[in-house]
Every structure is written in C-alpha cells, then in structure tokens.
Amino acid sequence: VTGVHLALSANPQSHRTGARGCCTIEDSRD
C-alpha cells in the first residue's frame, strides 16, 4: 500500500478549515 493525498486547491487556505473539509493544509498533515 502507498498512501496519496490529493491537493485540490492552489490556495488551500481558501477551502474549509477546522476539519470540515477535505482540501486543506490541515487535512494533508493529518
């Protein structure tokens, strides 16, 4: 198995934060 996270925004801060989205910097770190 290899894990991959999809970076879906050129500006991740513009997407939902606080664990409410799936496209943030926080999500990639998690």
PDB file of all heavy atoms in Angstrom:
ATOM      1  N   VAL A   1       0.831  -1.207   0.000  1.00  0.00           N
ATOM      2  CA  VAL A   1       0.000   0.000   0.000  1.00  0.00           C
ATOM      3  C   VAL A   1       0.863   1.253   0.000  1.00  0.00           C
ATOM      4  O   VAL A   1       1.839   1.366   0.748  1.00  0.00           O
ATOM      5  CB  VAL A   1      -0.936   0.022   1.230  1.00  0.00           C
ATOM      6  CG1 VAL A   1      -1.809   1.279   1.217  1.00  0.00           C
ATOM      7  CG2 VAL A   1      -1.802  -1.225   1.252  1.00  0.00           C
ATOM      8  N   THR A   2       0.463   2.210  -0.823  1.00  0.00           N
ATOM      9  CA  THR A   2       1.053   3.546  -0.836  1.00  0.00           C
ATOM     10  C   THR A   2      -0.073   4.550  -0.620  1.00  0.00           C
ATOM     11  O   THR A   2      -1.107   4.477  -1.292  1.00  0.00           O
ATOM     12  CB  THR A   2       1.751   3.840  -2.173  1.00  0.00           C
ATOM     13  OG1 THR A   2       2.830   2.928  -2.350  1.00  0.00           O
ATOM     14  CG2 THR A   2       2.279   5.276  -2.205  1.00  0.00           C
ATOM     15  N   GLY A   3       0.118   5.470   0.303  1.00  0.00           N
ATOM     16  CA  GLY A   3      -0.885   6.492   0.562  1.00  0.00           C
ATOM     17  C   GLY A   3      -0.652   7.718  -0.300  1.00  0.00           C
ATOM     18  O   GLY A   3       0.488   8.091  -0.568  1.00  0.00           O
ATOM     19  N   VAL A   4      -1.756   8.341  -0.740  1.00  0.00           N
ATOM     20  CA  VAL A   4      -1.646   9.572  -1.509  1.00  0.00           C
ATOM     21  C   VAL A   4      -2.743  10.536  -1.067  1.00  0.00           C
ATOM     22  O   VAL A   4      -3.898  10.147  -0.879  1.00  0.00           O
ATOM     23  CB  VAL A   4      -1.734   9.306  -3.031  1.00  0.00           C
ATOM     24  CG1 VAL A   4      -3.080   8.712  -3.415  1.00  0.00           C
ATOM     25  CG2 VAL A   4      -1.489  10.572  -3.820  1.00  0.00           C
ATOM     26  N   HIS A   5      -2.355  11.775  -0.864  1.00  0.00           N
ATOM     27  CA  HIS A   5      -3.315  12.830  -0.552  1.00  0.00           C
ATOM     28  C   HIS A   5      -3.427  13.735  -1.770  1.00  0.00           C
ATOM     29  O   HIS A   5      -2.430  14.092  -2.396  1.00  0.00           O
ATOM     30  CB  HIS A   5      -2.845  13.650   0.652  1.00  0.00           C
ATOM     31  CG  HIS A   5      -3.757  14.789   1.005  1.00  0.00           C
ATOM     32  ND1 HIS A   5      -4.936  14.598   1.686  1.00  0.00           N
ATOM     33  CD2 HIS A   5      -3.660  16.129   0.766  1.00  0.00           C
ATOM     34  CE1 HIS A   5      -5.530  15.773   1.854  1.00  0.00           C
ATOM     35  NE2 HIS A   5      -4.781  16.702   1.297  1.00  0.00           N
ATOM     36  N   LEU A   6      -4.649  14.099  -2.129  1.00  0.00           N
ATOM     37  CA  LEU A   6      -4.877  14.929  -3.301  1.00  0.00           C
ATOM     38  C   LEU A   6      -4.935  16.397  -2.902  1.00  0.00           C
ATOM     39  O   LEU A   6      -5.810  16.801  -2.125  1.00  0.00           O
ATOM     40  CB  LEU A   6      -6.186  14.524  -3.989  1.00  0.00           C
ATOM     41  CG  LEU A   6      -6.330  13.037  -4.317  1.00  0.00           C
ATOM     42  CD1 LEU A   6      -7.662  12.790  -5.017  1.00  0.00           C
ATOM     43  CD2 LEU A   6      -5.163  12.545  -5.154  1.00  0.00           C
ATOM     44  N   ALA A   7      -4.004  17.183  -3.424  1.00  0.00           N
ATOM     45  CA  ALA A   7      -4.026  18.635  -3.209  1.00  0.00           C
ATOM     46  C   ALA A   7      -4.963  19.222  -4.256  1.00  0.00           C
ATOM     47  O   ALA A   7      -4.630  19.279  -5.438  1.00  0.00           O
ATOM     48  CB  ALA A   7      -2.623  19.214  -3.339  1.00  0.00           C
ATOM     49  N   LEU A   8      -6.140  19.642  -3.819  1.00  0.00           N
ATOM     50  CA  LEU A   8      -7.185  20.053  -4.749  1.00  0.00           C
ATOM     51  C   LEU A   8      -7.338  21.557  -4.883  1.00  0.00           C
ATOM     52  O   LEU A   8      -8.181  22.028  -5.647  1.00  0.00           O
ATOM     53  CB  LEU A   8      -8.526  19.443  -4.318  1.00  0.00           C
ATOM     54  CG  LEU A   8      -8.562  17.916  -4.244  1.00  0.00           C
ATOM     55  CD1 LEU A   8      -9.934  17.437  -3.797  1.00  0.00           C
ATOM     56  CD2 LEU A   8      -8.192  17.300  -5.590  1.00  0.00           C
ATOM     57  N   SER A   9      -6.544  22.316  -4.156  1.00  0.00           N
ATOM     58  CA  SER A   9      -6.650  23.767  -4.244  1.00  0.00           C
ATOM     59  C   SER A   9      -5.269  24.385  -4.393  1.00  0.00           C
ATOM     60  O   SER A   9      -4.327  24.015  -3.686  1.00  0.00           O
ATOM     61  CB  SER A   9      -7.332  24.336  -3.002  1.00  0.00           C
ATOM     62  OG  SER A   9      -7.302  25.747  -3.022  1.00  0.00           O
ATOM     63  N   ALA A  10      -5.158  25.356  -5.310  1.00  0.00           N
ATOM     64  CA  ALA A  10      -3.903  26.095  -5.451  1.00  0.00           C
ATOM     65  C   ALA A  10      -3.676  26.983  -4.237  1.00  0.00           C
ATOM     66  O   ALA A  10      -2.554  27.402  -3.956  1.00  0.00           O
ATOM     67  CB  ALA A  10      -3.944  26.942  -6.722  1.00  0.00           C
ATOM     68  N   ASN A  11      -4.742  27.271  -3.502  1.00  0.00           N
ATOM     69  CA  ASN A  11      -4.677  28.089  -2.288  1.00  0.00           C
ATOM     70  C   ASN A  11      -5.466  27.378  -1.195  1.00  0.00           C
ATOM     71  O   ASN A  11      -6.624  27.696  -0.951  1.00  0.00           O
ATOM     72  CB  ASN A  11      -5.258  29.483  -2.543  1.00  0.00           C
ATOM     73  CG  ASN A  11      -5.239  30.355  -1.300  1.00  0.00           C
ATOM     74  OD1 ASN A  11      -4.468  30.101  -0.378  1.00  0.00           O
ATOM     75  ND2 ASN A  11      -6.094  31.368  -1.270  1.00  0.00           N
ATOM     76  N   PRO A  12      -4.874  26.375  -0.517  1.00  0.00           N
ATOM     77  CA  PRO A  12      -5.608  25.551   0.431  1.00  0.00           C
ATOM     78  C   PRO A  12      -6.297  26.337   1.548  1.00  0.00           C
ATOM     79  O   PRO A  12      -7.295  25.899   2.089  1.00  0.00           O
ATOM     80  CB  PRO A  12      -4.520  24.630   1.011  1.00  0.00           C
ATOM     81  CG  PRO A  12      -3.457  24.610  -0.019  1.00  0.00           C
ATOM     82  CD  PRO A  12      -3.471  25.974  -0.641  1.00  0.00           C
ATOM     83  N   GLN A  13      -5.764  27.516   1.905  1.00  0.00           N
ATOM     84  CA  GLN A  13      -6.393  28.297   2.962  1.00  0.00           C
ATOM     85  C   GLN A  13      -7.796  28.750   2.571  1.00  0.00           C
ATOM     86  O   GLN A  13      -8.609  29.094   3.425  1.00  0.00           O
ATOM     87  CB  GLN A  13      -5.541  29.528   3.308  1.00  0.00           C
ATOM     88  CG  GLN A  13      -4.215  29.181   3.986  1.00  0.00           C
ATOM     89  CD  GLN A  13      -3.104  28.908   2.981  1.00  0.00           C
ATOM     90  OE1 GLN A  13      -3.364  28.703   1.800  1.00  0.00           O
ATOM     91  NE2 GLN A  13      -1.870  28.877   3.447  1.00  0.00           N
ATOM     92  N   SER A  14      -8.088  28.767   1.258  1.00  0.00           N
ATOM     93  CA  SER A  14      -9.396  29.233   0.810  1.00  0.00           C
ATOM     94  C   SER A  14     -10.461  28.167   0.947  1.00  0.00           C
ATOM     95  O   SER A  14     -11.655  28.450   0.802  1.00  0.00           O
ATOM     96  CB  SER A  14      -9.327  29.665  -0.663  1.00  0.00           C
ATOM     97  OG  SER A  14      -9.119  28.543  -1.507  1.00  0.00           O
ATOM     98  N   HIS A  15     -10.060  26.942   1.232  1.00  0.00           N
ATOM     99  CA  HIS A  15     -11.026  25.870   1.421  1.00  0.00           C
ATOM    100  C   HIS A  15     -11.329  25.714   2.905  1.00  0.00           C
ATOM    101  O   HIS A  15     -10.705  26.325   3.765  1.00  0.00           O
ATOM    102  CB  HIS A  15     -10.481  24.560   0.846  1.00  0.00           C
ATOM    103  CG  HIS A  15     -10.510  24.545  -0.653  1.00  0.00           C
ATOM    104  ND1 HIS A  15     -10.460  23.392  -1.385  1.00  0.00           N
ATOM    105  CD2 HIS A  15     -10.603  25.551  -1.560  1.00  0.00           C
ATOM    106  CE1 HIS A  15     -10.513  23.678  -2.672  1.00  0.00           C
ATOM    107  NE2 HIS A  15     -10.583  24.984  -2.796  1.00  0.00           N
ATOM    108  N   ARG A  16     -12.324  24.898   3.209  1.00  0.00           N
ATOM    109  CA  ARG A  16     -12.780  24.788   4.600  1.00  0.00           C
ATOM    110  C   ARG A  16     -11.649  24.368   5.535  1.00  0.00           C
ATOM    111  O   ARG A  16     -10.809  23.552   5.194  1.00  0.00           O
ATOM    112  CB  ARG A  16     -13.930  23.781   4.692  1.00  0.00           C
ATOM    113  CG  ARG A  16     -15.247  24.380   4.235  1.00  0.00           C
ATOM    114  CD  ARG A  16     -16.386  23.444   4.570  1.00  0.00           C
ATOM    115  NE  ARG A  16     -17.640  24.040   4.135  1.00  0.00           N
ATOM    116  CZ  ARG A  16     -18.379  24.834   4.889  1.00  0.00           C
ATOM    117  NH1 ARG A  16     -17.999  25.123   6.103  1.00  0.00           N
ATOM    118  NH2 ARG A  16     -19.501  25.332   4.433  1.00  0.00           N
ATOM    119  N   THR A  17     -11.691  24.910   6.736  1.00  0.00           N
ATOM    120  CA  THR A  17     -10.694  24.571   7.741  1.00  0.00           C
ATOM    121  C   THR A  17     -11.386  24.002   8.970  1.00  0.00           C
ATOM    122  O   THR A  17     -12.585  23.879   9.025  1.00  0.00           O
ATOM    123  CB  THR A  17      -9.887  25.813   8.145  1.00  0.00           C
ATOM    124  OG1 THR A  17     -10.794  26.818   8.642  1.00  0.00           O
ATOM    125  CG2 THR A  17      -9.117  26.372   6.967  1.00  0.00           C
ATOM    126  N   GLY A  18     -10.578  23.662   9.987  1.00  0.00           N
ATOM    127  CA  GLY A  18     -11.152  23.140  11.217  1.00  0.00           C
ATOM    128  C   GLY A  18     -11.738  21.755  11.036  1.00  0.00           C
ATOM    129  O   GLY A  18     -12.734  21.406  11.652  1.00  0.00           O
ATOM    130  N   ALA A  19     -11.128  20.935  10.188  1.00  0.00           N
ATOM    131  CA  ALA A  19     -11.540  19.552   9.966  1.00  0.00           C
ATOM    132  C   ALA A  19     -12.887  19.437   9.282  1.00  0.00           C
ATOM    133  O   ALA A  19     -13.508  18.405   9.307  1.00  0.00           O
ATOM    134  CB  ALA A  19     -11.551  18.777  11.292  1.00  0.00           C
ATOM    135  N   ARG A  20     -13.365  20.508   8.640  1.00  0.00           N
ATOM    136  CA  ARG A  20     -14.666  20.467   7.989  1.00  0.00           C
ATOM    137  C   ARG A  20     -14.567  20.209   6.485  1.00  0.00           C
ATOM    138  O   ARG A  20     -15.564  20.052   5.814  1.00  0.00           O
ATOM    139  CB  ARG A  20     -15.417  21.782   8.216  1.00  0.00           C
ATOM    140  CG  ARG A  20     -15.877  21.953   9.640  1.00  0.00           C
ATOM    141  CD  ARG A  20     -16.993  20.998   9.970  1.00  0.00           C
ATOM    142  NE  ARG A  20     -18.193  21.310   9.206  1.00  0.00           N
ATOM    143  CZ  ARG A  20     -19.175  20.441   9.004  1.00  0.00           C
ATOM    144  NH1 ARG A  20     -19.074  19.221   9.453  1.00  0.00           N
ATOM    145  NH2 ARG A  20     -20.250  20.802   8.331  1.00  0.00           N
ATOM    146  N   GLY A  21     -13.370  20.180   5.955  1.00  0.00           N
ATOM    147  CA  GLY A  21     -13.246  19.985   4.517  1.00  0.00           C
ATOM    148  C   GLY A  21     -12.403  18.776   4.206  1.00  0.00           C
ATOM    149  O   GLY A  21     -12.177  17.922   5.030  1.00  0.00           O
ATOM    150  N   CYS A  22     -11.940  18.698   2.968  1.00  0.00           N
ATOM    151  CA  CYS A  22     -11.031  17.603   2.604  1.00  0.00           C
ATOM    152  C   CYS A  22      -9.934  18.146   1.706  1.00  0.00           C
ATOM    153  O   CYS A  22      -9.327  17.403   0.957  1.00  0.00           O
ATOM    154  CB  CYS A  22     -11.801  16.492   1.906  1.00  0.00           C
ATOM    155  SG  CYS A  22     -12.697  17.018   0.441  1.00  0.00           S
ATOM    156  N   CYS A  23      -9.679  19.425   1.767  1.00  0.00           N
ATOM    157  CA  CYS A  23      -8.749  20.043   0.819  1.00  0.00           C
ATOM    158  C   CYS A  23      -7.813  21.035   1.501  1.00  0.00           C
ATOM    159  O   CYS A  23      -7.244  21.905   0.841  1.00  0.00           O
ATOM    160  CB  CYS A  23      -9.531  20.791  -0.268  1.00  0.00           C
ATOM    161  SG  CYS A  23     -10.955  19.930  -0.912  1.00  0.00           S
ATOM    162  N   THR A  24      -7.639  20.968   2.792  1.00  0.00           N
ATOM    163  CA  THR A  24      -6.863  21.975   3.499  1.00  0.00           C
ATOM    164  C   THR A  24      -5.466  21.474   3.847  1.00  0.00           C
ATOM    165  O   THR A  24      -5.166  20.278   3.769  1.00  0.00           O
ATOM    166  CB  THR A  24      -7.573  22.370   4.802  1.00  0.00           C
ATOM    167  OG1 THR A  24      -7.571  21.240   5.687  1.00  0.00           O
ATOM    168  CG2 THR A  24      -9.012  22.798   4.544  1.00  0.00           C
ATOM    169  N   ILE A  25      -4.603  22.413   4.251  1.00  0.00           N
ATOM    170  CA  ILE A  25      -3.266  22.045   4.718  1.00  0.00           C
ATOM    171  C   ILE A  25      -3.370  21.125   5.928  1.00  0.00           C
ATOM    172  O   ILE A  25      -2.620  20.146   6.062  1.00  0.00           O
ATOM    173  CB  ILE A  25      -2.460  23.319   5.056  1.00  0.00           C
ATOM    174  CG1 ILE A  25      -2.184  24.111   3.768  1.00  0.00           C
ATOM    175  CG2 ILE A  25      -1.169  22.971   5.768  1.00  0.00           C
ATOM    176  CD1 ILE A  25      -1.514  25.448   4.001  1.00  0.00           C
ATOM    177  N   GLU A  26      -4.308  21.422   6.802  1.00  0.00           N
ATOM    178  CA  GLU A  26      -4.530  20.587   7.984  1.00  0.00           C
ATOM    179  C   GLU A  26      -4.849  19.147   7.584  1.00  0.00           C
ATOM    180  O   GLU A  26      -4.343  18.196   8.193  1.00  0.00           O
ATOM    181  CB  GLU A  26      -5.691  21.170   8.792  1.00  0.00           C
ATOM    182  CG  GLU A  26      -6.087  20.345  10.007  1.00  0.00           C
ATOM    183  CD  GLU A  26      -7.328  20.887  10.682  1.00  0.00           C
ATOM    184  OE1 GLU A  26      -7.796  21.982  10.315  1.00  0.00           O
ATOM    185  OE2 GLU A  26      -7.845  20.196  11.577  1.00  0.00           O
ATOM    186  N   ASP A  27      -5.664  18.989   6.554  1.00  0.00           N
ATOM    187  CA  ASP A  27      -6.025  17.645   6.108  1.00  0.00           C
ATOM    188  C   ASP A  27      -4.819  16.891   5.562  1.00  0.00           C
ATOM    189  O   ASP A  27      -4.659  15.692   5.808  1.00  0.00           O
ATOM    190  CB  ASP A  27      -7.123  17.724   5.042  1.00  0.00           C
ATOM    191  CG  ASP A  27      -8.433  18.246   5.602  1.00  0.00           C
ATOM    192  OD1 ASP A  27      -8.847  17.773   6.666  1.00  0.00           O
ATOM    193  OD2 ASP A  27      -9.028  19.144   4.982  1.00  0.00           O
ATOM    194  N   SER A  28      -3.965  17.561   4.806  1.00  0.00           N
ATOM    195  CA  SER A  28      -2.787  16.886   4.262  1.00  0.00           C
ATOM    196  C   SER A  28      -1.851  16.436   5.377  1.00  0.00           C
ATOM    197  O   SER A  28      -1.255  15.354   5.303  1.00  0.00           O
ATOM    198  CB  SER A  28      -2.050  17.803   3.283  1.00  0.00           C
ATOM    199  OG  SER A  28      -1.514  18.935   3.934  1.00  0.00           O
ATOM    200  N   ARG A  29      -1.745  17.255   6.421  1.00  0.00           N
ATOM    201  CA  ARG A  29      -0.898  16.877   7.564  1.00  0.00           C
ATOM    202  C   ARG A  29      -1.493  15.689   8.307  1.00  0.00           C
ATOM    203  O   ARG A  29      -0.766  14.782   8.730  1.00  0.00           O
ATOM    204  CB  ARG A  29      -0.719  18.074   8.491  1.00  0.00           C
ATOM    205  CG  ARG A  29       0.139  19.191   7.881  1.00  0.00           C
ATOM    206  CD  ARG A  29       0.086  20.446   8.715  1.00  0.00           C
ATOM    207  NE  ARG A  29       0.948  21.497   8.140  1.00  0.00           N
ATOM    208  CZ  ARG A  29       0.880  22.774   8.490  1.00  0.00           C
ATOM    209  NH1 ARG A  29       0.010  23.177   9.412  1.00  0.00           N
ATOM    210  NH2 ARG A  29       1.692  23.655   7.920  1.00  0.00           N
ATOM    211  N   ASP A  30      -2.819  15.690   8.475  1.00  0.00           N
ATOM    212  CA  ASP A  30      -3.474  14.562   9.143  1.00  0.00           C
ATOM    213  C   ASP A  30      -3.280  13.278   8.349  1.00  0.00           C
ATOM    214  O   ASP A  30      -3.065  12.200   8.926  1.00  0.00           O
ATOM    215  CB  ASP A  30      -4.970  14.840   9.307  1.00  0.00           C
ATOM    216  CG  ASP A  30      -5.261  15.874  10.390  1.00  0.00           C
ATOM    217  OD1 ASP A  30      -4.366  16.127  11.222  1.00  0.00           O
ATOM    218  OD2 ASP A  30      -6.380  16.421  10.397  1.00  0.00           O
TER     219      ASP A  30
END
